[in-house]
Amino acid sequence: MKTTIGAFDAATKQVKVIFTEGEIRHERPVNAVMKDGNYDKIATKERVAEVARGVAVKISVGAISTPPVLELPTEAE
């Protein structure tokens, strides 16, 4: 699984993460690790890896999937 970690948001103390497995792309915020009131980038990367393992399991059982593309009827239909 590929993970892309976005910038740290000081207001929410989170990072936005994109998890990609094959054609499935899942995006969600992950709580950042704070040490002595400061953002700990290395520990946050480890936390994201832990979350990624859970996301991988959810993808494998179908709890997270790519939503189907809805086709809207045209005016002629």
N, C-alpha and C. Protein backbone atom coordinates (compact mmCIF):
# COMPACT_ATOMS: atom_id res chain seq x y z
N MET A 1 0.84 -1.17 0.00
CA MET A 1 0.00 0.00 0.00
C MET A 1 0.89 1.23 0.00
N LYS A 2 0.51 2.19 -0.83
CA LYS A 2 1.24 3.45 -0.89
C LYS A 2 0.52 4.46 0.00
N THR A 3 1.27 5.22 0.78
CA THR A 3 0.69 6.29 1.59
C THR A 3 1.35 7.60 1.22
N THR A 4 0.53 8.64 1.13
CA THR A 4 1.02 9.99 0.89
C THR A 4 0.55 10.85 2.04
N ILE A 5 1.50 11.38 2.80
CA ILE A 5 1.19 12.17 3.98
C ILE A 5 1.24 13.65 3.62
N GLY A 6 0.14 14.35 3.89
CA GLY A 6 0.07 15.78 3.61
C GLY A 6 0.69 16.59 4.73
N ALA A 7 0.55 17.89 4.61
CA ALA A 7 1.13 18.83 5.58
C ALA A 7 0.41 18.73 6.93
N PHE A 8 1.14 19.04 7.98
CA PHE A 8 0.60 19.08 9.34
C PHE A 8 -0.31 20.29 9.47
N ASP A 9 -1.52 20.08 10.01
CA ASP A 9 -2.47 21.16 10.28
C ASP A 9 -2.42 21.45 11.77
N ALA A 10 -1.83 22.57 12.14
CA ALA A 10 -1.65 22.91 13.56
C ALA A 10 -2.99 23.12 14.26
N ALA A 11 -4.01 23.57 13.54
CA ALA A 11 -5.31 23.83 14.15
C ALA A 11 -5.99 22.53 14.59
N THR A 12 -5.90 21.50 13.75
CA THR A 12 -6.56 20.23 14.07
C THR A 12 -5.60 19.19 14.64
N LYS A 13 -4.30 19.49 14.54
CA LYS A 13 -3.25 18.54 14.95
C LYS A 13 -3.37 17.22 14.19
N GLN A 14 -3.63 17.34 12.88
CA GLN A 14 -3.79 16.18 12.01
C GLN A 14 -2.99 16.37 10.73
N VAL A 15 -2.80 15.25 10.04
CA VAL A 15 -2.25 15.26 8.69
C VAL A 15 -3.26 14.56 7.79
N LYS A 16 -3.41 15.05 6.57
CA LYS A 16 -4.28 14.38 5.61
C LYS A 16 -3.45 13.30 4.94
N VAL A 17 -4.00 12.09 4.86
CA VAL A 17 -3.26 10.97 4.28
C VAL A 17 -4.08 10.36 3.15
N ILE A 18 -3.39 10.04 2.06
CA ILE A 18 -4.01 9.32 0.95
C ILE A 18 -3.41 7.92 0.94
N PHE A 19 -4.29 6.92 1.03
CA PHE A 19 -3.89 5.52 1.00
C PHE A 19 -4.28 4.98 -0.38
N THR A 20 -3.34 4.37 -1.08
CA THR A 20 -3.61 3.85 -2.42
C THR A 20 -3.22 2.38 -2.49
N GLU A 21 -4.18 1.57 -2.92
CA GLU A 21 -3.95 0.13 -3.09
C GLU A 21 -4.58 -0.24 -4.43
N GLY A 22 -3.75 -0.48 -5.44
CA GLY A 22 -4.28 -0.76 -6.77
C GLY A 22 -5.08 0.43 -7.27
N GLU A 23 -6.34 0.17 -7.63
CA GLU A 23 -7.22 1.23 -8.13
C GLU A 23 -7.96 1.96 -7.01
N ILE A 24 -7.82 1.48 -5.79
CA ILE A 24 -8.56 2.06 -4.66
C ILE A 24 -7.74 3.18 -4.04
N ARG A 25 -8.39 4.33 -3.88
CA ARG A 25 -7.76 5.50 -3.26
C ARG A 25 -8.66 5.93 -2.11
N HIS A 26 -8.10 5.95 -0.91
CA HIS A 26 -8.85 6.30 0.30
C HIS A 26 -8.13 7.46 0.98
N GLU A 27 -8.88 8.51 1.29
CA GLU A 27 -8.29 9.70 1.91
C GLU A 27 -8.94 9.94 3.26
N ARG A 28 -8.12 10.23 4.27
CA ARG A 28 -8.66 10.52 5.60
C ARG A 28 -7.62 11.24 6.45
N PRO A 29 -8.08 12.00 7.45
CA PRO A 29 -7.13 12.63 8.36
C PRO A 29 -6.63 11.62 9.39
N VAL A 30 -5.40 11.80 9.82
CA VAL A 30 -4.81 10.97 10.87
C VAL A 30 -4.27 11.92 11.94
N ASN A 31 -4.54 11.61 13.19
CA ASN A 31 -4.02 12.44 14.28
C ASN A 31 -2.50 12.40 14.28
N ALA A 32 -1.90 13.57 14.35
CA ALA A 32 -0.44 13.67 14.40
C ALA A 32 0.05 13.34 15.80
N VAL A 33 1.29 12.90 15.88
CA VAL A 33 1.92 12.65 17.17
C VAL A 33 2.60 13.95 17.62
N MET A 34 2.29 14.35 18.83
CA MET A 34 2.88 15.57 19.39
C MET A 34 3.83 15.16 20.52
N LYS A 35 5.00 15.79 20.55
CA LYS A 35 5.97 15.53 21.61
C LYS A 35 6.39 16.87 22.20
N ASP A 36 6.14 17.04 23.48
CA ASP A 36 6.43 18.30 24.17
C ASP A 36 5.77 19.48 23.46
N GLY A 37 4.55 19.25 22.96
CA GLY A 37 3.79 20.31 22.30
C GLY A 37 4.17 20.57 20.86
N ASN A 38 5.11 19.80 20.33
CA ASN A 38 5.56 19.99 18.95
C ASN A 38 5.23 18.77 18.10
N TYR A 39 5.00 19.02 16.83
CA TYR A 39 4.71 17.97 15.86
C TYR A 39 5.93 17.07 15.71
N ASP A 40 5.72 15.77 15.89
CA ASP A 40 6.79 14.78 15.74
C ASP A 40 6.57 14.05 14.41
N LYS A 41 7.30 14.49 13.39
CA LYS A 41 7.11 13.97 12.03
C LYS A 41 7.43 12.48 11.94
N ILE A 42 8.50 12.04 12.59
CA ILE A 42 8.91 10.63 12.51
C ILE A 42 7.87 9.73 13.19
N ALA A 43 7.42 10.11 14.38
CA ALA A 43 6.42 9.30 15.09
C ALA A 43 5.08 9.32 14.36
N THR A 44 4.75 10.44 13.71
CA THR A 44 3.51 10.52 12.95
C THR A 44 3.57 9.57 11.76
N LYS A 45 4.73 9.47 11.12
CA LYS A 45 4.90 8.54 10.01
C LYS A 45 4.66 7.10 10.48
N GLU A 46 5.13 6.77 11.68
CA GLU A 46 4.89 5.44 12.25
C GLU A 46 3.40 5.23 12.52
N ARG A 47 2.72 6.26 13.03
CA ARG A 47 1.28 6.15 13.28
C ARG A 47 0.52 5.95 11.97
N VAL A 48 0.92 6.66 10.93
CA VAL A 48 0.28 6.49 9.63
C VAL A 48 0.46 5.06 9.13
N ALA A 49 1.63 4.47 9.36
CA ALA A 49 1.86 3.08 8.96
C ALA A 49 0.92 2.14 9.70
N GLU A 50 0.66 2.41 10.98
CA GLU A 50 -0.29 1.61 11.76
C GLU A 50 -1.70 1.73 11.19
N VAL A 51 -2.10 2.96 10.88
CA VAL A 51 -3.43 3.19 10.29
C VAL A 51 -3.52 2.50 8.93
N ALA A 52 -2.43 2.54 8.16
CA ALA A 52 -2.42 1.92 6.83
C ALA A 52 -2.67 0.42 6.92
N ARG A 53 -2.16 -0.22 7.96
CA ARG A 53 -2.42 -1.66 8.11
C ARG A 53 -3.91 -1.92 8.30
N GLY A 54 -4.57 -1.07 9.07
CA GLY A 54 -6.02 -1.21 9.25
C GLY A 54 -6.79 -0.93 7.97
N VAL A 55 -6.35 0.08 7.24
CA VAL A 55 -7.00 0.41 5.96
C VAL A 55 -6.83 -0.76 4.99
N ALA A 56 -5.66 -1.38 4.97
CA ALA A 56 -5.42 -2.53 4.08
C ALA A 56 -6.38 -3.68 4.39
N VAL A 57 -6.62 -3.93 5.65
CA VAL A 57 -7.56 -4.99 6.04
C VAL A 57 -8.97 -4.63 5.57
N LYS A 58 -9.36 -3.38 5.77
CA LYS A 58 -10.70 -2.94 5.35
C LYS A 58 -10.87 -3.05 3.84
N ILE A 59 -9.81 -2.74 3.09
CA ILE A 59 -9.87 -2.90 1.64
C ILE A 59 -10.01 -4.38 1.29
N SER A 60 -9.27 -5.25 1.97
CA SER A 60 -9.29 -6.69 1.64
C SER A 60 -10.65 -7.33 1.90
N VAL A 61 -11.41 -6.80 2.86
CA VAL A 61 -12.73 -7.36 3.15
C VAL A 61 -13.85 -6.58 2.45
N GLY A 62 -13.48 -5.56 1.69
CA GLY A 62 -14.47 -4.81 0.93
C GLY A 62 -15.14 -3.67 1.68
N ALA A 63 -14.69 -3.38 2.90
CA ALA A 63 -15.30 -2.29 3.67
C ALA A 63 -14.91 -0.93 3.09
N ILE A 64 -13.77 -0.87 2.42
CA ILE A 64 -13.36 0.33 1.70
C ILE A 64 -13.17 -0.10 0.25
N SER A 65 -13.84 0.59 -0.66
CA SER A 65 -13.72 0.26 -2.07
C SER A 65 -13.89 1.54 -2.90
N THR A 66 -13.67 1.40 -4.18
CA THR A 66 -13.89 2.52 -5.08
C THR A 66 -15.38 2.60 -5.35
N PRO A 67 -16.01 3.75 -5.09
CA PRO A 67 -17.45 3.85 -5.34
C PRO A 67 -17.74 3.74 -6.83
N PRO A 68 -18.86 3.13 -7.18
CA PRO A 68 -19.20 3.02 -8.60
C PRO A 68 -19.48 4.39 -9.20
N VAL A 69 -19.19 4.52 -10.48
CA VAL A 69 -19.47 5.77 -11.19
C VAL A 69 -20.93 5.75 -11.60
N LEU A 70 -21.66 6.76 -11.15
CA LEU A 70 -23.08 6.85 -11.49
C LEU A 70 -23.24 7.51 -12.85
N GLU A 71 -24.03 6.89 -13.69
CA GLU A 71 -24.32 7.47 -14.99
C GLU A 71 -25.66 8.16 -14.90
N LEU A 72 -25.66 9.45 -15.16
CA LEU A 72 -26.89 10.22 -15.12
C LEU A 72 -27.60 10.10 -16.46
N PRO A 73 -28.93 10.04 -16.43
CA PRO A 73 -29.67 9.95 -17.70
C PRO A 73 -29.50 11.23 -18.51
N THR A 74 -29.48 11.07 -19.81
CA THR A 74 -29.40 12.24 -20.68
C THR A 74 -30.80 12.80 -20.87
N GLU A 75 -30.90 13.97 -21.47
CA GLU A 75 -32.22 14.59 -21.68
C GLU A 75 -33.12 13.74 -22.55
N ALA A 76 -32.54 12.96 -23.46
CA ALA A 76 -33.33 12.13 -24.37
C ALA A 76 -33.95 10.94 -23.66
N GLU A 77 -33.43 10.57 -22.52
CA GLU A 77 -33.93 9.37 -21.83
C GLU A 77 -35.11 9.69 -21.00
